[in-house]
Amino acid sequence: FYRRRQDNGGRKAGNLADFCTNWGHMYDFMVVLDADSLMG
């Protein structure tokens, strides 16, 4: 999925908070990465 926030308040922390607020109830866990991260 791809989502672009209209208001980027709070920087990365705000970005993750927005995800949790709107879609967090659907997930038990989230794997948090950076833009330059890679994970097997």
Full PDB file with SEQRES, HELIX, SHEET, SSBOND, CRYST1, ORIGX, SCALE, CONECT and MASTER records, all heavy atoms in Angstrom:
SEQRES   1 A   40  PHE TYR ARG ARG ARG GLN ASP ASN GLY GLY ARG LYS ALA          
SEQRES   2 A   40  GLY ASN LEU ALA ASP PHE CYS THR ASN TRP GLY HIS MET          
SEQRES   3 A   40  TYR ASP PHE MET VAL VAL LEU ASP ALA ASP SER LEU MET          
SEQRES   4 A   40  GLY                                                          
HELIX    1 AA1 ARG A   11  TRP A   23  1                                  13    
HELIX    2 AA2 GLY A   24  MET A   26  5                                   3    
CRYST1    1.000    1.000    1.000  90.00  90.00  90.00 P 1           1          
ORIGX1      1.000000  0.000000  0.000000        0.00000                         
ORIGX2      0.000000  1.000000  0.000000        0.00000                         
ORIGX3      0.000000  0.000000  1.000000        0.00000                         
SCALE1      1.000000  0.000000  0.000000        0.00000                         
SCALE2      0.000000  1.000000  0.000000        0.00000                         
SCALE3      0.000000  0.000000  1.000000        0.00000                         
ATOM      1  N   PHE A   1       0.845  -1.194   0.000  1.00  0.00           N  
ATOM      2  CA  PHE A   1       0.000   0.000   0.000  1.00  0.00           C  
ATOM      3  C   PHE A   1       0.886   1.251   0.000  1.00  0.00           C  
ATOM      4  O   PHE A   1       2.002   1.242   0.522  1.00  0.00           O  
ATOM      5  CB  PHE A   1      -0.918   0.023   1.222  1.00  0.00           C  
ATOM      6  CG  PHE A   1      -1.851  -1.150   1.309  1.00  0.00           C  
ATOM      7  CD1 PHE A   1      -1.545  -2.237   2.115  1.00  0.00           C  
ATOM      8  CD2 PHE A   1      -3.039  -1.180   0.582  1.00  0.00           C  
ATOM      9  CE1 PHE A   1      -2.401  -3.322   2.208  1.00  0.00           C  
ATOM     10  CE2 PHE A   1      -3.898  -2.260   0.662  1.00  0.00           C  
ATOM     11  CZ  PHE A   1      -3.571  -3.342   1.471  1.00  0.00           C  
ATOM     12  N   TYR A   2       0.350   2.304  -0.584  1.00  0.00           N  
ATOM     13  CA  TYR A   2       1.050   3.598  -0.609  1.00  0.00           C  
ATOM     14  C   TYR A   2       0.089   4.666  -0.114  1.00  0.00           C  
ATOM     15  O   TYR A   2      -1.066   4.740  -0.547  1.00  0.00           O  
ATOM     16  CB  TYR A   2       1.502   3.925  -2.031  1.00  0.00           C  
ATOM     17  CG  TYR A   2       1.999   5.344  -2.230  1.00  0.00           C  
ATOM     18  CD1 TYR A   2       3.303   5.698  -1.892  1.00  0.00           C  
ATOM     19  CD2 TYR A   2       1.160   6.324  -2.747  1.00  0.00           C  
ATOM     20  CE1 TYR A   2       3.759   7.000  -2.079  1.00  0.00           C  
ATOM     21  CE2 TYR A   2       1.606   7.626  -2.927  1.00  0.00           C  
ATOM     22  CZ  TYR A   2       2.907   7.962  -2.595  1.00  0.00           C  
ATOM     23  OH  TYR A   2       3.347   9.245  -2.770  1.00  0.00           O  
ATOM     24  N   ARG A   3       0.562   5.484   0.813  1.00  0.00           N  
ATOM     25  CA  ARG A   3      -0.252   6.590   1.339  1.00  0.00           C  
ATOM     26  C   ARG A   3       0.618   7.829   1.475  1.00  0.00           C  
ATOM     27  O   ARG A   3       1.731   7.764   2.004  1.00  0.00           O  
ATOM     28  CB  ARG A   3      -0.830   6.208   2.707  1.00  0.00           C  
ATOM     29  CG  ARG A   3      -1.704   7.283   3.347  1.00  0.00           C  
ATOM     30  CD  ARG A   3      -0.935   8.346   4.124  1.00  0.00           C  
ATOM     31  NE  ARG A   3      -0.547   7.961   5.460  1.00  0.00           N  
ATOM     32  CZ  ARG A   3       0.609   8.254   5.997  1.00  0.00           C  
ATOM     33  NH1 ARG A   3       1.548   8.881   5.280  1.00  0.00           N  
ATOM     34  NH2 ARG A   3       0.905   7.900   7.225  1.00  0.00           N  
ATOM     35  N   ARG A   4       0.118   8.970   0.974  1.00  0.00           N  
ATOM     36  CA  ARG A   4       0.835  10.233   1.170  1.00  0.00           C  
ATOM     37  C   ARG A   4       0.000  11.138   2.058  1.00  0.00           C  
ATOM     38  O   ARG A   4      -1.159  11.429   1.756  1.00  0.00           O  
ATOM     39  CB  ARG A   4       1.120  10.934  -0.151  1.00  0.00           C  
ATOM     40  CG  ARG A   4       2.091  12.122   0.020  1.00  0.00           C  
ATOM     41  CD  ARG A   4       2.414  12.777  -1.305  1.00  0.00           C  
ATOM     42  NE  ARG A   4       1.341  13.616  -1.791  1.00  0.00           N  
ATOM     43  CZ  ARG A   4       1.191  14.902  -1.454  1.00  0.00           C  
ATOM     44  NH1 ARG A   4       2.047  15.471  -0.623  1.00  0.00           N  
ATOM     45  NH2 ARG A   4       0.202  15.597  -1.952  1.00  0.00           N  
ATOM     46  N   ARG A   5       0.635  11.594   3.154  1.00  0.00           N  
ATOM     47  CA  ARG A   5      -0.070  12.484   4.077  1.00  0.00           C  
ATOM     48  C   ARG A   5      -0.175  13.885   3.496  1.00  0.00           C  
ATOM     49  O   ARG A   5       0.790  14.397   2.911  1.00  0.00           O  
ATOM     50  CB  ARG A   5       0.713  12.589   5.393  1.00  0.00           C  
ATOM     51  CG  ARG A   5       0.218  11.694   6.477  1.00  0.00           C  
ATOM     52  CD  ARG A   5       0.635  12.138   7.859  1.00  0.00           C  
ATOM     53  NE  ARG A   5       2.039  12.466   8.042  1.00  0.00           N  
ATOM     54  CZ  ARG A   5       2.516  13.088   9.134  1.00  0.00           C  
ATOM     55  NH1 ARG A   5       1.689  13.422  10.113  1.00  0.00           N  
ATOM     56  NH2 ARG A   5       3.791  13.351   9.247  1.00  0.00           N  
ATOM     57  N   GLN A   6      -1.301  14.512   3.675  1.00  0.00           N  
ATOM     58  CA  GLN A   6      -1.463  15.896   3.238  1.00  0.00           C  
ATOM     59  C   GLN A   6      -0.759  16.860   4.190  1.00  0.00           C  
ATOM     60  O   GLN A   6      -0.239  17.893   3.776  1.00  0.00           O  
ATOM     61  CB  GLN A   6      -2.961  16.248   3.144  1.00  0.00           C  
ATOM     62  CG  GLN A   6      -3.709  15.406   2.124  1.00  0.00           C  
ATOM     63  CD  GLN A   6      -3.135  15.535   0.725  1.00  0.00           C  
ATOM     64  OE1 GLN A   6      -2.847  16.634   0.255  1.00  0.00           O  
ATOM     65  NE2 GLN A   6      -2.947  14.393   0.058  1.00  0.00           N  
ATOM     66  N   ASP A   7      -0.755  16.532   5.472  1.00  0.00           N  
ATOM     67  CA  ASP A   7      -0.112  17.376   6.477  1.00  0.00           C  
ATOM     68  C   ASP A   7       0.976  16.541   7.147  1.00  0.00           C  
ATOM     69  O   ASP A   7       0.687  15.519   7.771  1.00  0.00           O  
ATOM     70  CB  ASP A   7      -1.144  17.827   7.511  1.00  0.00           C  
ATOM     71  CG  ASP A   7      -0.523  18.601   8.670  1.00  0.00           C  
ATOM     72  OD1 ASP A   7       0.660  19.001   8.553  1.00  0.00           O  
ATOM     73  OD2 ASP A   7      -1.210  18.792   9.686  1.00  0.00           O  
ATOM     74  N   ASN A   8       2.232  16.964   7.014  1.00  0.00           N  
ATOM     75  CA  ASN A   8       3.314  16.151   7.568  1.00  0.00           C  
ATOM     76  C   ASN A   8       3.783  16.638   8.930  1.00  0.00           C  
ATOM     77  O   ASN A   8       4.965  16.608   9.257  1.00  0.00           O  
ATOM     78  CB  ASN A   8       4.497  16.083   6.592  1.00  0.00           C  
ATOM     79  CG  ASN A   8       5.207  17.420   6.444  1.00  0.00           C  
ATOM     80  OD1 ASN A   8       4.601  18.458   6.638  1.00  0.00           O  
ATOM     81  ND2 ASN A   8       6.482  17.381   6.081  1.00  0.00           N  
ATOM     82  N   GLY A   9       2.845  17.079   9.745  1.00  0.00           N  
ATOM     83  CA  GLY A   9       3.178  17.499  11.098  1.00  0.00           C  
ATOM     84  C   GLY A   9       3.776  16.371  11.910  1.00  0.00           C  
ATOM     85  O   GLY A   9       3.380  15.213  11.803  1.00  0.00           O  
ATOM     86  N   GLY A  10       4.763  16.701  12.739  1.00  0.00           N  
ATOM     87  CA  GLY A  10       5.379  15.714  13.606  1.00  0.00           C  
ATOM     88  C   GLY A  10       6.469  14.888  12.959  1.00  0.00           C  
ATOM     89  O   GLY A  10       7.011  13.975  13.582  1.00  0.00           O  
ATOM     90  N   ARG A  11       6.771  15.169  11.685  1.00  0.00           N  
ATOM     91  CA  ARG A  11       7.842  14.469  10.966  1.00  0.00           C  
ATOM     92  C   ARG A  11       7.617  12.953  11.013  1.00  0.00           C  
ATOM     93  O   ARG A  11       6.489  12.493  10.878  1.00  0.00           O  
ATOM     94  CB  ARG A  11       9.206  14.856  11.537  1.00  0.00           C  
ATOM     95  CG  ARG A  11       9.471  16.374  11.507  1.00  0.00           C  
ATOM     96  CD  ARG A  11      10.771  16.721  12.201  1.00  0.00           C  
ATOM     97  NE  ARG A  11      10.989  18.155  12.241  1.00  0.00           N  
ATOM     98  CZ  ARG A  11      10.458  18.959  13.170  1.00  0.00           C  
ATOM     99  NH1 ARG A  11       9.688  18.467  14.114  1.00  0.00           N  
ATOM    100  NH2 ARG A  11      10.683  20.254  13.138  1.00  0.00           N  
ATOM    101  N   LYS A  12       8.683  12.171  11.174  1.00  0.00           N  
ATOM    102  CA  LYS A  12       8.539  10.713  11.131  1.00  0.00           C  
ATOM    103  C   LYS A  12       7.635  10.212  12.247  1.00  0.00           C  
ATOM    104  O   LYS A  12       6.801   9.310  12.036  1.00  0.00           O  
ATOM    105  CB  LYS A  12       9.905  10.036  11.217  1.00  0.00           C  
ATOM    106  CG  LYS A  12       9.823   8.520  11.174  1.00  0.00           C  
ATOM    107  CD  LYS A  12      11.200   7.874  11.265  1.00  0.00           C  
ATOM    108  CE  LYS A  12      11.093   6.353  11.321  1.00  0.00           C  
ATOM    109  NZ  LYS A  12      12.413   5.705  11.400  1.00  0.00           N  
ATOM    110  N   ALA A  13       7.789  10.763  13.454  1.00  0.00           N  
ATOM    111  CA  ALA A  13       6.945  10.326  14.566  1.00  0.00           C  
ATOM    112  C   ALA A  13       5.478  10.596  14.261  1.00  0.00           C  
ATOM    113  O   ALA A  13       4.602   9.770  14.552  1.00  0.00           O  
ATOM    114  CB  ALA A  13       7.365  11.037  15.851  1.00  0.00           C  
ATOM    115  N   GLY A  14       5.200  11.757  13.660  1.00  0.00           N  
ATOM    116  CA  GLY A  14       3.823  12.063  13.282  1.00  0.00           C  
ATOM    117  C   GLY A  14       3.315  11.152  12.183  1.00  0.00           C  
ATOM    118  O   GLY A  14       2.122  10.793  12.146  1.00  0.00           O  
ATOM    119  N   ASN A  15       4.199  10.781  11.271  1.00  0.00           N  
ATOM    120  CA  ASN A  15       3.834   9.875  10.185  1.00  0.00           C  
ATOM    121  C   ASN A  15       3.408   8.517  10.753  1.00  0.00           C  
ATOM    122  O   ASN A  15       2.370   7.957  10.368  1.00  0.00           O  
ATOM    123  CB  ASN A  15       5.027   9.723   9.240  1.00  0.00           C  
ATOM    124  CG  ASN A  15       4.641   9.176   7.873  1.00  0.00           C  
ATOM    125  OD1 ASN A  15       3.506   8.793   7.631  1.00  0.00           O  
ATOM    126  ND2 ASN A  15       5.602   9.154   6.975  1.00  0.00           N  
ATOM    127  N   LEU A  16       4.199   7.989  11.672  1.00  0.00           N  
ATOM    128  CA  LEU A  16       3.863   6.706  12.290  1.00  0.00           C  
ATOM    129  C   LEU A  16       2.608   6.824  13.152  1.00  0.00           C  
ATOM    130  O   LEU A  16       1.778   5.900  13.185  1.00  0.00           O  
ATOM    131  CB  LEU A  16       5.035   6.210  13.135  1.00  0.00           C  
ATOM    132  CG  LEU A  16       6.280   5.766  12.365  1.00  0.00           C  
ATOM    133  CD1 LEU A  16       7.413   5.425  13.329  1.00  0.00           C  
ATOM    134  CD2 LEU A  16       5.967   4.572  11.480  1.00  0.00           C  
ATOM    135  N   ALA A  17       2.461   7.950  13.854  1.00  0.00           N  
ATOM    136  CA  ALA A  17       1.261   8.136  14.672  1.00  0.00           C  
ATOM    137  C   ALA A  17       0.012   8.177  13.795  1.00  0.00           C  
ATOM    138  O   ALA A  17      -1.037   7.623  14.157  1.00  0.00           O  
ATOM    139  CB  ALA A  17       1.385   9.424  15.492  1.00  0.00           C  
ATOM    140  N   ASP A  18       0.111   8.827  12.637  1.00  0.00           N  
ATOM    141  CA  ASP A  18      -1.017   8.869  11.707  1.00  0.00           C  
ATOM    142  C   ASP A  18      -1.377   7.459  11.235  1.00  0.00           C  
ATOM    143  O   ASP A  18      -2.553   7.093  11.158  1.00  0.00           O  
ATOM    144  CB  ASP A  18      -0.671   9.745  10.511  1.00  0.00           C  
ATOM    145  CG  ASP A  18      -1.762   9.765   9.458  1.00  0.00           C  
ATOM    146  OD1 ASP A  18      -2.713  10.553   9.602  1.00  0.00           O  
ATOM    147  OD2 ASP A  18      -1.656   8.973   8.498  1.00  0.00           O  
ATOM    148  N   PHE A  19      -0.373   6.650  10.932  1.00  0.00           N  
ATOM    149  CA  PHE A  19      -0.645   5.277  10.518  1.00  0.00           C  
ATOM    150  C   PHE A  19      -1.333   4.504  11.638  1.00  0.00           C  
ATOM    151  O   PHE A  19      -2.334   3.805  11.414  1.00  0.00           O  
ATOM    152  CB  PHE A  19       0.658   4.566  10.131  1.00  0.00           C  
ATOM    153  CG  PHE A  19       0.492   3.086   9.945  1.00  0.00           C  
ATOM    154  CD1 PHE A  19      -0.045   2.582   8.770  1.00  0.00           C  
ATOM    155  CD2 PHE A  19       0.825   2.201  10.966  1.00  0.00           C  
ATOM    156  CE1 PHE A  19      -0.228   1.214   8.607  1.00  0.00           C  
ATOM    157  CE2 PHE A  19       0.649   0.836  10.803  1.00  0.00           C  
ATOM    158  CZ  PHE A  19       0.117   0.341   9.626  1.00  0.00           C  
ATOM    159  N   CYS A  20      -0.803   4.621  12.856  1.00  0.00           N  
ATOM    160  CA  CYS A  20      -1.394   3.890  13.978  1.00  0.00           C  
ATOM    161  C   CYS A  20      -2.824   4.340  14.242  1.00  0.00           C  
ATOM    162  O   CYS A  20      -3.714   3.516  14.493  1.00  0.00           O  
ATOM    163  CB  CYS A  20      -0.542   4.082  15.230  1.00  0.00           C  
ATOM    164  SG  CYS A  20       1.053   3.230  15.173  1.00  0.00           S  
ATOM    165  N   THR A  21      -3.065   5.644  14.181  1.00  0.00           N  
ATOM    166  CA  THR A  21      -4.398   6.168  14.452  1.00  0.00           C  
ATOM    167  C   THR A  21      -5.419   5.647  13.447  1.00  0.00           C  
ATOM    168  O   THR A  21      -6.542   5.276  13.803  1.00  0.00           O  
ATOM    169  CB  THR A  21      -4.363   7.707  14.430  1.00  0.00           C  
ATOM    170  OG1 THR A  21      -3.507   8.178  15.470  1.00  0.00           O  
ATOM    171  CG2 THR A  21      -5.753   8.286  14.621  1.00  0.00           C  
ATOM    172  N   ASN A  22      -5.036   5.605  12.179  1.00  0.00           N  
ATOM    173  CA  ASN A  22      -6.000   5.267  11.136  1.00  0.00           C  
ATOM    174  C   ASN A  22      -6.055   3.784  10.789  1.00  0.00           C  
ATOM    175  O   ASN A  22      -7.108   3.286  10.380  1.00  0.00           O  
ATOM    176  CB  ASN A  22      -5.679   6.077   9.872  1.00  0.00           C  
ATOM    177  CG  ASN A  22      -5.996   7.546  10.040  1.00  0.00           C  
ATOM    178  OD1 ASN A  22      -7.136   7.921  10.255  1.00  0.00           O  
ATOM    179  ND2 ASN A  22      -4.973   8.386   9.971  1.00  0.00           N  
ATOM    180  N   TRP A  23      -4.911   3.081  10.921  1.00  0.00           N  
ATOM    181  CA  TRP A  23      -4.892   1.674  10.507  1.00  0.00           C  
ATOM    182  C   TRP A  23      -4.321   0.730  11.559  1.00  0.00           C  
ATOM    183  O   TRP A  23      -4.309  -0.474  11.366  1.00  0.00           O  
ATOM    184  CB  TRP A  23      -4.089   1.530   9.207  1.00  0.00           C  
ATOM    185  CG  TRP A  23      -4.746   2.245   8.065  1.00  0.00           C  
ATOM    186  CD1 TRP A  23      -5.853   1.840   7.364  1.00  0.00           C  
ATOM    187  CD2 TRP A  23      -4.361   3.495   7.506  1.00  0.00           C  
ATOM    188  NE1 TRP A  23      -6.182   2.765   6.409  1.00  0.00           N  
ATOM    189  CE2 TRP A  23      -5.274   3.795   6.456  1.00  0.00           C  
ATOM    190  CE3 TRP A  23      -3.336   4.404   7.771  1.00  0.00           C  
ATOM    191  CZ2 TRP A  23      -5.191   4.949   5.702  1.00  0.00           C  
ATOM    192  CZ3 TRP A  23      -3.247   5.560   7.021  1.00  0.00           C  
ATOM    193  CH2 TRP A  23      -4.170   5.828   5.994  1.00  0.00           C  
ATOM    194  N   GLY A  24      -3.847   1.293  12.667  1.00  0.00           N  
ATOM    195  CA  GLY A  24      -3.210   0.454  13.675  1.00  0.00           C  
ATOM    196  C   GLY A  24      -4.125  -0.598  14.259  1.00  0.00           C  
ATOM    197  O   GLY A  24      -3.671  -1.678  14.655  1.00  0.00           O  
ATOM    198  N   HIS A  25      -5.442  -0.329  14.316  1.00  0.00           N  
ATOM    199  CA  HIS A  25      -6.363  -1.297  14.913  1.00  0.00           C  
ATOM    200  C   HIS A  25      -6.428  -2.596  14.122  1.00  0.00           C  
ATOM    201  O   HIS A  25      -6.892  -3.617  14.629  1.00  0.00           O  
ATOM    202  CB  HIS A  25      -7.764  -0.692  14.995  1.00  0.00           C  
ATOM    203  CG  HIS A  25      -8.409  -0.470  13.664  1.00  0.00           C  
ATOM    204  ND1 HIS A  25      -8.021   0.551  12.824  1.00  0.00           N  
ATOM    205  CD2 HIS A  25      -9.393  -1.156  13.016  1.00  0.00           C  
ATOM    206  CE1 HIS A  25      -8.744   0.494  11.701  1.00  0.00           C  
ATOM    207  NE2 HIS A  25      -9.588  -0.528  11.800  1.00  0.00           N  
ATOM    208  N   MET A  26      -5.949  -2.579  12.862  1.00  0.00           N  
ATOM    209  CA  MET A  26      -6.006  -3.777  12.018  1.00  0.00           C  
ATOM    210  C   MET A  26      -4.786  -4.677  12.193  1.00  0.00           C  
ATOM    211  O   MET A  26      -4.762  -5.792  11.665  1.00  0.00           O  
ATOM    212  CB  MET A  26      -6.111  -3.371  10.554  1.00  0.00           C  
ATOM    213  CG  MET A  26      -7.363  -2.599  10.208  1.00  0.00           C  
ATOM    214  SD  MET A  26      -7.535  -2.437   8.429  1.00  0.00           S  
ATOM    215  CE  MET A  26      -7.654  -4.151   7.927  1.00  0.00           C  
ATOM    216  N   TYR A  27      -3.772  -4.208  12.928  1.00  0.00           N  
ATOM    217  CA  TYR A  27      -2.511  -4.940  12.989  1.00  0.00           C  
ATOM    218  C   TYR A  27      -2.082  -5.161  14.435  1.00  0.00           C  
ATOM    219  O   TYR A  27      -2.295  -4.314  15.304  1.00  0.00           O  
ATOM    220  CB  TYR A  27      -1.417  -4.177  12.234  1.00  0.00           C  
ATOM    221  CG  TYR A  27      -1.721  -4.056  10.761  1.00  0.00           C  
ATOM    222  CD1 TYR A  27      -2.356  -2.930  10.248  1.00  0.00           C  
ATOM    223  CD2 TYR A  27      -1.419  -5.095   9.887  1.00  0.00           C  
ATOM    224  CE1 TYR A  27      -2.671  -2.829   8.893  1.00  0.00           C  
ATOM    225  CE2 TYR A  27      -1.726  -5.007   8.541  1.00  0.00           C  
ATOM    226  CZ  TYR A  27      -2.352  -3.876   8.051  1.00  0.00           C  
ATOM    227  OH  TYR A  27      -2.658  -3.797   6.709  1.00  0.00           O  
ATOM    228  N   ASP A  28      -1.473  -6.307  14.666  1.00  0.00           N  
ATOM    229  CA  ASP A  28      -0.903  -6.610  15.980  1.00  0.00           C  
ATOM    230  C   ASP A  28       0.495  -6.020  16.127  1.00  0.00           C  
ATOM    231  O   ASP A  28       0.875  -5.579  17.212  1.00  0.00           O  
ATOM    232  CB  ASP A  28      -0.840  -8.132  16.171  1.00  0.00           C  
ATOM    233  CG  ASP A  28      -2.207  -8.774  16.097  1.00  0.00           C  
ATOM    234  OD1 ASP A  28      -2.954  -8.684  17.082  1.00  0.00           O  
ATOM    235  OD2 ASP A  28      -2.533  -9.351  15.040  1.00  0.00           O  
ATOM    236  N   PHE A  29       1.257  -6.026  15.029  1.00  0.00           N  
ATOM    237  CA  PHE A  29       2.651  -5.573  15.077  1.00  0.00           C  
ATOM    238  C   PHE A  29       2.955  -4.708  13.862  1.00  0.00           C  
ATOM    239  O   PHE A  29       2.291  -4.817  12.822  1.00  0.00           O  
ATOM    240  CB  PHE A  29       3.610  -6.777  15.084  1.00  0.00           C  
ATOM    241  CG  PHE A  29       3.195  -7.890  15.988  1.00  0.00           C  
ATOM    242  CD1 PHE A  29       2.785  -9.120  15.460  1.00  0.00           C  
ATOM    243  CD2 PHE A  29       3.185  -7.728  17.362  1.00  0.00           C  
ATOM    244  CE1 PHE A  29       2.378 -10.156  16.283  1.00  0.00           C  
ATOM    245  CE2 PHE A  29       2.781  -8.757  18.200  1.00  0.00           C  
ATOM    246  CZ  PHE A  29       2.377  -9.974  17.655  1.00  0.00           C  
ATOM    247  N   MET A  30       3.955  -3.850  14.012  1.00  0.00           N  
ATOM    248  CA  MET A  30       4.486  -3.142  12.850  1.00  0.00           C  
ATOM    249  C   MET A  30       6.010  -3.200  12.896  1.00  0.00           C  
ATOM    250  O   MET A  30       6.625  -2.999  13.940  1.00  0.00           O  
ATOM    251  CB  MET A  30       3.988  -1.698  12.769  1.00  0.00           C  
ATOM    252  CG  MET A  30       4.387  -0.784  13.886  1.00  0.00           C  
ATOM    253  SD  MET A  30       3.800   0.920  13.554  1.00  0.00           S  
ATOM    254  CE  MET A  30       4.329   1.744  15.068  1.00  0.00           C  
ATOM    255  N   VAL A  31       6.575  -3.529  11.739  1.00  0.00           N  
ATOM    256  CA  VAL A  31       8.025  -3.505  11.569  1.00  0.00           C  
ATOM    257  C   VAL A  31       8.369  -2.126  11.020  1.00  0.00           C  
ATOM    258  O   VAL A  31       7.957  -1.768   9.914  1.00  0.00           O  
ATOM    259  CB  VAL A  31       8.493  -4.611  10.607  1.00  0.00           C  
ATOM    260  CG1 VAL A  31       9.996  -4.493  10.364  1.00  0.00           C  
ATOM    261  CG2 VAL A  31       8.148  -5.984  11.163  1.00  0.00           C  
ATOM    262  N   VAL A  32       9.088  -1.344  11.803  1.00  0.00           N  
ATOM    263  CA  VAL A  32       9.392   0.044  11.448  1.00  0.00           C  
ATOM    264  C   VAL A  32      10.750   0.093  10.750  1.00  0.00           C  
ATOM    265  O   VAL A  32      11.757  -0.378  11.284  1.00  0.00           O  
ATOM    266  CB  VAL A  32       9.399   0.943  12.699  1.00  0.00           C  
ATOM    267  CG1 VAL A  32       9.686   2.391  12.308  1.00  0.00           C  
ATOM    268  CG2 VAL A  32       8.079   0.837  13.443  1.00  0.00           C  
ATOM    269  N   LEU A  33      10.751   0.667   9.558  1.00  0.00           N  
ATOM    270  CA  LEU A  33      11.986   0.797   8.778  1.00  0.00           C  
ATOM    271  C   LEU A  33      12.263   2.265   8.481  1.00  0.00           C  
ATOM    272  O   LEU A  33      11.400   3.122   8.656  1.00  0.00           O  
ATOM    273  CB  LEU A  33      11.863   0.020   7.465  1.00  0.00           C  
ATOM    274  CG  LEU A  33      11.558  -1.478   7.571  1.00  0.00           C  
ATOM    275  CD1 LEU A  33      11.339  -2.067   6.195  1.00  0.00           C  
ATOM    276  CD2 LEU A  33      12.678  -2.212   8.291  1.00  0.00           C  
ATOM    277  N   ASP A  34      13.474   2.552   8.038  1.00  0.00           N  
ATOM    278  CA  ASP A  34      13.823   3.856   7.485  1.00  0.00           C  
ATOM    279  C   ASP A  34      13.784   3.772   5.969  1.00  0.00           C  
ATOM    280  O   ASP A  34      13.720   2.678   5.392  1.00  0.00           O  
ATOM    281  CB  ASP A  34      15.221   4.281   7.939  1.00  0.00           C  
ATOM    282  CG  ASP A  34      15.165   5.328   9.043  1.00  0.00           C  
ATOM    283  OD1 ASP A  34      14.054   5.745   9.413  1.00  0.00           O  
ATOM    284  OD2 ASP A  34      16.237   5.714   9.536  1.00  0.00           O  
ATOM    285  N   ALA A  35      13.876   4.925   5.318  1.00  0.00           N  
ATOM    286  CA  ALA A  35      13.828   4.940   3.855  1.00  0.00           C  
ATOM    287  C   ALA A  35      14.980   4.172   3.234  1.00  0.00           C  
ATOM    288  O   ALA A  35      14.868   3.692   2.104  1.00  0.00           O  
ATOM    289  CB  ALA A  35      13.826   6.382   3.353  1.00  0.00           C  
ATOM    290  N   ASP A  36      16.099   4.046   3.946  1.00  0.00           N  
ATOM    291  CA  ASP A  36      17.258   3.327   3.404  1.00  0.00           C  
ATOM    292  C   ASP A  36      17.428   1.949   4.034  1.00  0.00           C  
ATOM    293  O   ASP A  36      18.488   1.332   3.931  1.00  0.00           O  
ATOM    294  CB  ASP A  36      18.537   4.143   3.592  1.00  0.00           C  
ATOM    295  CG  ASP A  36      18.804   4.490   5.056  1.00  0.00           C  
ATOM    296  OD1 ASP A  36      17.998   4.090   5.916  1.00  0.00           O  
ATOM    297  OD2 ASP A  36      19.818   5.150   5.333  1.00  0.00           O  
ATOM    298  N   SER A  37      16.377   1.445   4.684  1.00  0.00           N  
ATOM    299  CA  SER A  37      16.454   0.150   5.349  1.00  0.00           C  
ATOM    300  C   SER A  37      16.137  -0.988   4.388  1.00  0.00           C  
ATOM    301  O   SER A  37      15.419  -0.817   3.398  1.00  0.00           O  
ATOM    302  CB  SER A  37      15.459   0.088   6.523  1.00  0.00           C  
ATOM    303  OG  SER A  37      15.777   1.014   7.531  1.00  0.00           O  
ATOM    304  N   LEU A  38      16.648  -2.152   4.737  1.00  0.00           N  
ATOM    305  CA  LEU A  38      16.307  -3.387   4.033  1.00  0.00           C  
ATOM    306  C   LEU A  38      16.309  -4.495   5.069  1.00  0.00           C  
ATOM    307  O   LEU A  38      17.177  -4.542   5.943  1.00  0.00           O  
ATOM    308  CB  LEU A  38      17.329  -3.691   2.934  1.00  0.00           C  
ATOM    309  CG  LEU A  38      17.056  -4.923   2.071  1.00  0.00           C  
ATOM    310  CD1 LEU A  38      15.822  -4.712   1.197  1.00  0.00           C  
ATOM    311  CD2 LEU A  38      18.270  -5.244   1.188  1.00  0.00           C  
ATOM    312  N   MET A  39      15.322  -5.391   4.980  1.00  0.00           N  
ATOM    313  CA  MET A  39      15.228  -6.479   5.934  1.00  0.00           C  
ATOM    314  C   MET A  39      14.797  -7.746   5.222  1.00  0.00           C  
ATOM    315  O   MET A  39      13.893  -7.720   4.373  1.00  0.00           O  
ATOM    316  CB  MET A  39      14.240  -6.128   7.056  1.00  0.00           C  
ATOM    317  CG  MET A  39      14.241  -7.111   8.218  1.00  0.00           C  
ATOM    318  SD  MET A  39      13.186  -6.582   9.594  1.00  0.00           S  
ATOM    319  CE  MET A  39      14.148  -5.224  10.264  1.00  0.00           C  
ATOM    320  N   GLY A  40      15.433  -8.858   5.544  1.00  0.00           N  
ATOM    321  CA  GLY A  40      15.094 -10.131   4.932  1.00  0.00           C  
ATOM    322  C   GLY A  40      13.785 -10.690   5.449  1.00  0.00           C  
ATOM    323  O   GLY A  40      13.397 -10.449   6.607  1.00  0.00           O  
TER     324      GLY A  40                                                      
MASTER        0    0    0    2    0    0    0    6  323    1    0    4          
END                                                                             
